[in-house]
Amino acid sequence: MGVTKDEILAALRSVAVPGGGDLVSRDLVRAVGISGDQVRFVIEAEDPAQAKAMEAARAEAEDVIRALPGVTGAAVMLTAHSPGGASKAPPPPGGEPPALKIGRHPTKQSGPAPVAGVDRIIAVGSGKGGVGKSTVATNLAVALAREGRRVGLLDADIYGPSIPRMMGIQKKPASPDGKTIIPLQAHGVTLMSIGFMVEPEKAVVWRGPMLMGALQQMLGQVEWGGLDILIVDLPPGTGDVQLTLCQRTALTGAVVVSTPQDVALIDARKALDMFGTLKTPVLGLIENMSVYICPNCGHEAHLFGHGGVAAEAERLGLPFLGALPIDLDTRLAGDGGSPIATGDGPMAGAYRELARRFVSGGMA
């Protein structure tokens, strides 16, 4: 049996770093990947000065991991945040690596392909915007991580990326060679979004081929490491991103989020029909904004109706995965960059139950 991520992290606790602590206690280890008897990961220093002082720790980390039973090779990359907050790899011998570029025409491939190191890929979609799909995707990812799963979250909404804000992180991923992308980490989740590559207020003005190429890059060029599940937060609708993802990526399946009212369900049915046309299994439906519970008196109000998604799931013979309330604290937590699922209140409990449903159902 090969080495595990937990064994790797346990071994790295013996590697001290300048300023005190070790690689794990200082939260400097990123993108752990295991391929047979080969291990790779990134040490992300807090600034270039610390990175310069950590070369000895990097070399020691390689030796420590290479000494583990079942490991014959270890590759450890050292990166650092620039003073402006972007993550940057130290220049290799011979000069700076080429600049990382996202956005190109897609490359040809013969059919749906897996993503290296990722066991399951689940798309979270909706027929229309405004139903809380990104909120559900973000909190589900955090809740699954809290259940012990190795989770990645890809923000595939190229025109309106919201994951950087909702996960509380806004910096540029590192790239050692202008091609490989080292993803970011927040709340126990590995992250990638086009929002990390552009200024927050800058619009992405691309035609379909550029958009499709960007998605292909964010799936194939990112060092995801070993993940149990990669959640892909889709844009609303049934456009180029959905088509590209379903045709070019070996998806485990899709989950559709909708609010209960009829106008949302009309568009949710279109999303379901699209996944059926593209032969992507639908793993279930989630009803968001199902009920509003007054924080003062406990009265329940169904602002958008109630039970419409459950009824639709029953009609179609699909699993109904759960109903989530509309909640002010959930909105405030997302705007503040600390998803509600990171806490211990009622909404965190709702997402915990949803995550356990995914685990027990073999989806994560």
Protein backbone atom coordinates (compact mmCIF):
# COMPACT_ATOMS: atom_id res chain seq x y z
CA MET A 1 0.00 0.00 0.00
CA GLY A 2 1.37 3.43 -0.96
CA VAL A 3 2.05 6.40 1.24
CA THR A 4 -0.90 8.59 2.25
CA LYS A 5 -1.25 12.35 2.49
CA ASP A 6 -1.64 12.07 6.27
CA GLU A 7 1.67 10.20 6.51
CA ILE A 8 3.36 12.86 4.38
CA LEU A 9 2.05 15.70 6.57
CA ALA A 10 3.04 13.82 9.73
CA ALA A 11 6.59 13.45 8.43
CA LEU A 12 6.77 17.14 7.45
CA ARG A 13 6.03 18.14 11.05
CA SER A 14 9.67 17.27 11.74
CA VAL A 15 10.95 19.94 9.32
CA ALA A 16 11.57 23.18 11.20
CA VAL A 17 11.34 26.55 9.45
CA PRO A 18 13.01 29.89 10.16
CA GLY A 19 11.11 31.88 12.76
CA GLY A 20 9.84 28.84 14.64
CA GLY A 21 7.37 26.04 14.05
CA ASP A 22 7.36 23.48 11.27
CA LEU A 23 6.06 23.24 7.71
CA VAL A 24 2.66 21.91 8.79
CA SER A 25 2.01 24.03 11.88
CA ARG A 26 2.87 27.14 9.84
CA ASP A 27 0.47 26.00 7.06
CA LEU A 28 3.10 26.23 4.34
CA VAL A 29 2.40 22.94 2.50
CA ARG A 30 0.29 23.11 -0.67
CA ALA A 31 -0.85 20.85 -3.55
CA VAL A 32 0.29 17.47 -2.21
CA GLY A 33 0.24 14.98 -5.06
CA ILE A 34 0.90 11.23 -4.94
CA SER A 35 1.48 9.20 -8.07
CA GLY A 36 2.48 5.64 -7.24
CA ASP A 37 5.78 5.89 -5.37
CA GLN A 38 6.34 9.52 -6.39
CA VAL A 39 5.38 12.46 -4.15
CA ARG A 40 5.26 16.15 -5.03
CA PHE A 41 4.13 19.22 -3.16
CA VAL A 42 4.69 22.94 -2.82
CA ILE A 43 6.11 24.91 0.09
CA GLU A 44 4.49 28.35 -0.11
CA ALA A 45 6.55 30.86 1.87
CA GLU A 46 4.99 34.02 3.26
CA ASP A 47 7.31 36.36 1.34
CA PRO A 48 10.41 36.21 -0.93
CA ALA A 49 12.77 36.81 2.00
CA GLN A 50 11.40 33.81 3.86
CA ALA A 51 11.60 31.70 0.70
CA LYS A 52 15.29 32.52 0.36
CA ALA A 53 15.88 31.38 3.94
CA MET A 54 13.88 28.16 3.47
CA GLU A 55 15.96 26.41 0.84
CA ALA A 56 17.51 24.20 3.52
CA ALA A 57 14.01 23.30 4.78
CA ARG A 58 12.94 22.47 1.23
CA ALA A 59 15.91 20.12 0.79
CA GLU A 60 15.27 18.54 4.19
CA ALA A 61 11.59 18.03 3.29
CA GLU A 62 12.60 16.14 0.14
CA ASP A 63 14.92 13.89 2.18
CA VAL A 64 12.28 13.26 4.86
CA ILE A 65 9.61 12.26 2.34
CA ARG A 66 12.00 10.18 0.26
CA ALA A 67 12.82 8.20 3.40
CA LEU A 68 9.19 7.15 3.93
CA PRO A 69 8.33 3.50 3.17
CA GLY A 70 6.89 3.15 -0.31
CA VAL A 71 8.38 6.41 -1.63
CA THR A 72 11.22 6.39 -4.16
CA GLY A 73 11.06 9.98 -5.37
CA ALA A 74 10.06 13.38 -4.00
CA ALA A 75 9.83 16.73 -5.78
CA VAL A 76 9.37 19.82 -3.62
CA MET A 77 8.81 23.27 -5.14
CA LEU A 78 9.38 26.46 -3.15
CA THR A 79 7.17 29.47 -3.93
CA ALA A 80 6.56 32.83 -2.27
CA HIS A 81 4.02 35.63 -2.18
CA SER A 82 5.21 38.83 -3.76
CA PRO A 83 4.96 42.04 -1.67
CA GLY A 84 1.80 42.91 -3.61
CA GLY A 85 0.10 39.71 -2.44
CA ALA A 86 0.44 37.59 -5.59
CA SER A 87 2.05 34.18 -5.28
CA LYS A 88 5.22 33.87 -7.28
CA ALA A 89 7.82 31.16 -7.79
CA PRO A 90 11.46 32.08 -7.24
CA PRO A 91 13.23 32.47 -10.61
CA PRO A 92 14.97 29.33 -11.82
CA PRO A 93 18.57 29.36 -13.07
CA GLY A 94 18.58 31.28 -16.35
CA GLY A 95 15.94 33.86 -15.45
CA GLU A 96 12.22 34.31 -14.78
CA PRO A 97 9.74 31.66 -15.99
CA PRO A 98 7.35 32.67 -18.77
CA ALA A 99 4.30 34.61 -17.61
CA LEU A 100 1.22 32.48 -16.96
CA LYS A 101 -1.62 33.22 -19.38
CA ILE A 102 -5.20 32.05 -19.06
CA GLY A 103 -7.45 32.27 -22.10
CA ARG A 104 -6.74 30.63 -25.44
CA HIS A 105 -8.43 28.55 -28.11
CA PRO A 106 -9.07 24.99 -26.89
CA THR A 107 -6.72 22.20 -27.87
CA LYS A 108 -8.02 19.06 -29.55
CA GLN A 109 -8.75 15.91 -27.58
CA SER A 110 -10.40 12.63 -28.55
CA GLY A 111 -13.12 12.56 -25.91
CA PRO A 112 -13.96 13.09 -22.24
CA ALA A 113 -10.76 12.94 -20.21
CA PRO A 114 -10.13 12.52 -16.47
CA VAL A 115 -8.33 15.17 -14.44
CA ALA A 116 -5.04 13.92 -13.03
CA GLY A 117 -5.22 13.09 -9.34
CA VAL A 118 -8.98 13.65 -9.02
CA ASP A 119 -11.25 10.73 -8.12
CA ARG A 120 -14.66 12.34 -8.75
CA ILE A 121 -15.78 15.47 -10.58
CA ILE A 122 -19.23 16.86 -9.84
CA ALA A 123 -20.71 19.86 -11.64
CA VAL A 124 -23.09 22.10 -9.70
CA GLY A 125 -25.44 23.82 -12.14
CA SER A 126 -28.66 25.75 -12.42
CA GLY A 127 -30.91 26.85 -15.22
CA LYS A 128 -30.84 30.51 -14.16
CA GLY A 129 -28.86 32.91 -12.05
CA GLY A 130 -29.79 34.12 -8.59
CA VAL A 131 -30.73 30.77 -7.07
CA GLY A 132 -27.66 30.56 -4.81
CA LYS A 133 -25.77 27.95 -6.81
CA SER A 134 -22.32 29.36 -5.96
CA THR A 135 -23.29 29.65 -2.29
CA VAL A 136 -24.30 25.99 -2.30
CA ALA A 137 -21.16 24.89 -4.17
CA THR A 138 -18.87 26.85 -1.84
CA ASN A 139 -20.44 25.70 1.41
CA LEU A 140 -20.76 22.12 0.20
CA ALA A 141 -17.02 22.10 -0.60
CA VAL A 142 -16.16 23.43 2.88
CA ALA A 143 -18.56 20.98 4.57
CA LEU A 144 -17.06 18.03 2.68
CA ALA A 145 -13.56 19.15 3.70
CA ARG A 146 -14.72 19.24 7.33
CA GLU A 147 -15.93 15.66 6.87
CA GLY A 148 -12.38 14.65 6.03
CA ARG A 149 -12.63 14.65 2.25
CA ARG A 150 -9.88 16.09 0.04
CA VAL A 151 -11.85 18.71 -1.88
CA GLY A 152 -11.18 21.01 -4.81
CA LEU A 153 -13.44 23.83 -6.02
CA LEU A 154 -13.24 25.16 -9.58
CA ASP A 155 -15.06 28.39 -10.36
CA ALA A 156 -16.13 27.84 -13.97
CA ASP A 157 -18.23 31.02 -14.14
CA ILE A 158 -15.74 32.82 -16.37
CA TYR A 159 -17.78 36.00 -16.83
CA GLY A 160 -18.92 36.32 -13.20
CA PRO A 161 -16.50 34.54 -10.86
CA SER A 162 -17.61 34.77 -7.23
CA ILE A 163 -15.53 32.11 -5.51
CA PRO A 164 -12.58 34.43 -4.69
CA ARG A 165 -14.87 36.74 -2.71
CA MET A 166 -16.87 33.97 -1.08
CA MET A 167 -13.77 32.02 -0.03
CA GLY A 168 -11.97 35.16 1.16
CA ILE A 169 -8.89 34.94 -1.04
CA GLN A 170 -7.70 37.19 -3.87
CA LYS A 171 -4.18 36.60 -5.11
CA LYS A 172 -2.57 35.18 -8.21
CA PRO A 173 -1.66 31.48 -8.27
CA ALA A 174 2.00 30.60 -8.69
CA SER A 175 3.37 29.05 -11.86
CA PRO A 176 6.92 27.67 -12.01
CA ASP A 177 7.06 27.42 -15.80
CA GLY A 178 4.28 29.56 -17.27
CA LYS A 179 2.19 26.43 -17.85
CA THR A 180 1.67 24.55 -14.59
CA ILE A 181 -0.67 26.34 -12.17
CA ILE A 182 -0.31 25.91 -8.41
CA PRO A 183 -3.83 26.34 -6.98
CA LEU A 184 -4.68 28.33 -3.87
CA GLN A 185 -6.04 27.04 -0.57
CA ALA A 186 -8.72 28.36 1.78
CA HIS A 187 -10.86 26.76 4.51
CA GLY A 188 -9.38 23.32 3.74
CA VAL A 189 -10.36 23.51 0.04
CA THR A 190 -8.08 23.67 -3.02
CA LEU A 191 -9.24 26.52 -5.29
CA MET A 192 -8.99 27.79 -8.85
CA SER A 193 -10.91 30.63 -10.50
CA ILE A 194 -10.44 33.01 -13.39
CA GLY A 195 -11.12 35.62 -10.72
CA PHE A 196 -7.61 34.99 -9.35
CA MET A 197 -6.13 35.97 -12.71
CA VAL A 198 -7.86 39.30 -13.34
CA GLU A 199 -8.55 42.45 -11.34
CA PRO A 200 -11.84 42.17 -9.36
CA GLU A 201 -13.55 44.97 -11.31
CA LYS A 202 -12.18 44.01 -14.73
CA ALA A 203 -14.60 42.33 -17.15
CA VAL A 204 -13.61 39.18 -19.04
CA VAL A 205 -14.58 40.00 -22.63
CA TRP A 206 -14.04 36.76 -24.55
CA ARG A 207 -15.81 34.90 -27.30
CA GLY A 208 -16.73 31.24 -26.86
CA PRO A 209 -13.44 29.63 -28.00
CA MET A 210 -11.36 31.68 -25.53
CA LEU A 211 -13.75 30.79 -22.74
CA MET A 212 -13.61 27.09 -23.62
CA GLY A 213 -9.81 27.18 -23.74
CA ALA A 214 -9.64 28.86 -20.32
CA LEU A 215 -11.80 26.14 -18.80
CA GLN A 216 -9.60 23.48 -20.38
CA GLN A 217 -6.52 25.16 -18.87
CA MET A 218 -8.02 25.44 -15.39
CA LEU A 219 -8.83 21.73 -15.42
CA GLY A 220 -5.73 20.34 -17.11
CA GLN A 221 -2.88 22.67 -16.15
CA VAL A 222 -3.70 23.00 -12.44
CA GLU A 223 -1.73 20.80 -10.02
CA TRP A 224 -4.81 19.65 -8.14
CA GLY A 225 -2.88 17.08 -6.13
CA GLY A 226 -4.80 14.09 -4.82
CA LEU A 227 -8.49 14.95 -4.46
CA ASP A 228 -11.44 12.80 -3.49
CA ILE A 229 -13.78 15.24 -5.22
CA LEU A 230 -13.57 18.30 -7.43
CA ILE A 231 -16.68 20.48 -7.37
CA VAL A 232 -17.17 22.62 -10.49
CA ASP A 233 -19.32 25.70 -9.95
CA LEU A 234 -20.95 26.27 -13.34
CA PRO A 235 -22.32 29.56 -14.67
CA PRO A 236 -26.10 29.77 -15.04
CA GLY A 237 -27.71 28.57 -18.23
CA THR A 238 -26.82 25.99 -20.85
CA GLY A 239 -23.96 27.57 -22.79
CA ASP A 240 -20.37 27.00 -23.89
CA VAL A 241 -18.92 26.21 -20.45
CA GLN A 242 -21.47 23.48 -19.76
CA LEU A 243 -21.03 22.02 -23.23
CA THR A 244 -17.22 22.04 -22.97
CA LEU A 245 -17.17 20.53 -19.51
CA CYS A 246 -19.59 17.70 -20.28
CA GLN A 247 -18.00 16.80 -23.62
CA ARG A 248 -14.33 17.10 -22.65
CA THR A 249 -14.21 16.02 -19.01
CA ALA A 250 -15.01 12.65 -17.46
CA LEU A 251 -17.67 13.87 -15.04
CA THR A 252 -19.02 11.71 -12.25
CA GLY A 253 -22.27 13.61 -12.59
CA ALA A 254 -24.12 16.86 -12.01
CA VAL A 255 -26.23 18.38 -9.25
CA VAL A 256 -28.90 20.96 -10.08
CA VAL A 257 -29.79 23.76 -7.66
CA SER A 258 -33.11 25.61 -7.88
CA THR A 259 -35.40 27.69 -5.76
CA PRO A 260 -38.93 26.28 -5.36
CA GLN A 261 -40.92 28.76 -7.43
CA ASP A 262 -42.23 27.88 -10.88
CA VAL A 263 -40.16 30.42 -12.81
CA ALA A 264 -36.93 28.92 -11.44
CA LEU A 265 -38.09 25.36 -12.06
CA ILE A 266 -38.79 26.17 -15.71
CA ASP A 267 -35.09 26.94 -16.19
CA ALA A 268 -33.96 24.09 -13.94
CA ARG A 269 -35.78 21.68 -16.27
CA LYS A 270 -33.73 23.08 -19.16
CA ALA A 271 -30.52 22.39 -17.23
CA LEU A 272 -31.71 18.84 -16.54
CA ASP A 273 -32.55 18.35 -20.20
CA MET A 274 -29.11 19.63 -21.19
CA PHE A 275 -27.33 17.17 -18.90
CA GLY A 276 -29.52 14.40 -20.30
CA THR A 277 -28.67 15.40 -23.89
CA LEU A 278 -24.96 15.42 -23.04
CA LYS A 279 -25.26 12.04 -21.27
CA THR A 280 -24.11 13.45 -17.94
CA PRO A 281 -25.72 11.62 -14.99
CA VAL A 282 -27.82 13.84 -12.73
CA LEU A 283 -26.99 12.86 -9.16
CA GLY A 284 -29.79 14.84 -7.57
CA LEU A 285 -31.56 18.15 -6.98
CA ILE A 286 -31.18 20.67 -4.17
CA GLU A 287 -33.86 23.17 -3.16
CA ASN A 288 -32.28 26.43 -2.02
CA MET A 289 -34.11 29.30 -0.28
CA SER A 290 -36.72 26.77 0.70
CA VAL A 291 -37.96 28.53 3.83
CA TYR A 292 -37.30 31.72 5.80
CA ILE A 293 -37.25 31.34 9.59
CA CYS A 294 -37.68 34.61 11.48
CA PRO A 295 -34.74 35.01 13.88
CA ASN A 296 -36.94 36.86 16.37
CA CYS A 297 -40.05 34.72 16.65
CA GLY A 298 -39.21 31.51 14.77
CA HIS A 299 -42.11 31.91 12.31
CA GLU A 300 -41.57 30.07 9.01
CA ALA A 301 -42.38 31.86 5.76
CA HIS A 302 -42.14 30.34 2.29
CA LEU A 303 -41.05 33.39 0.30
CA PHE A 304 -40.46 31.46 -2.93
CA GLY A 305 -42.93 28.65 -2.37
CA HIS A 306 -41.93 25.34 -0.87
CA GLY A 307 -41.40 21.76 -2.01
CA GLY A 308 -41.34 22.45 -5.74
CA VAL A 309 -37.89 20.95 -6.24
CA ALA A 310 -38.70 17.85 -4.19
CA ALA A 311 -41.84 17.34 -6.27
CA GLU A 312 -39.86 17.76 -9.48
CA ALA A 313 -37.26 15.23 -8.32
CA GLU A 314 -40.00 12.73 -7.51
CA ARG A 315 -41.65 13.31 -10.89
CA LEU A 316 -38.36 12.66 -12.71
CA GLY A 317 -37.26 9.77 -10.50
CA LEU A 318 -34.16 11.65 -9.32
CA PRO A 319 -32.74 11.87 -5.79
CA PHE A 320 -33.78 14.89 -3.75
CA LEU A 321 -30.64 15.82 -1.84
CA GLY A 322 -32.08 18.38 0.55
CA ALA A 323 -33.72 21.73 1.24
CA LEU A 324 -31.72 24.72 2.46
CA PRO A 325 -33.29 27.78 4.13
CA ILE A 326 -32.80 31.38 3.01
CA ASP A 327 -30.66 32.93 5.68
CA LEU A 328 -29.13 36.38 6.26
CA ASP A 329 -26.05 35.02 8.03
CA THR A 330 -25.28 32.82 5.02
CA ARG A 331 -25.24 35.87 2.77
CA LEU A 332 -23.11 37.89 5.21
CA ALA A 333 -20.64 35.01 5.61
CA GLY A 334 -20.24 34.66 1.85
CA ASP A 335 -19.70 38.39 1.38
CA GLY A 336 -17.16 38.31 4.22
CA GLY A 337 -15.12 35.47 2.71
CA SER A 338 -15.82 32.94 5.47
CA PRO A 339 -18.53 30.50 4.30
CA ILE A 340 -21.26 29.69 6.81
CA ALA A 341 -20.21 26.01 6.70
CA THR A 342 -16.98 26.91 8.50
CA GLY A 343 -19.00 27.57 11.68
CA ASP A 344 -21.18 25.50 13.98
CA GLY A 345 -24.65 27.08 13.74
CA PRO A 346 -27.88 25.71 12.21
CA MET A 347 -26.89 26.54 8.62
CA ALA A 348 -23.48 24.91 9.07
CA GLY A 349 -25.40 21.88 10.33
CA ALA A 350 -27.60 21.90 7.22
CA TYR A 351 -24.56 21.85 4.96
CA ARG A 352 -22.94 19.19 7.13
CA GLU A 353 -25.99 16.96 6.60
CA LEU A 354 -25.84 17.66 2.86
CA ALA A 355 -22.15 16.74 2.78
CA ARG A 356 -22.83 13.51 4.69
CA ARG A 357 -25.51 12.66 2.15
CA PHE A 358 -22.87 13.00 -0.58
CA VAL A 359 -20.45 10.80 1.36
CA SER A 360 -22.99 8.10 2.20
CA GLY A 361 -24.23 8.11 -1.39
CA GLY A 362 -20.72 7.51 -2.75
CA MET A 363 -20.59 10.91 -4.48
CA ALA A 364 -17.64 12.18 -2.43
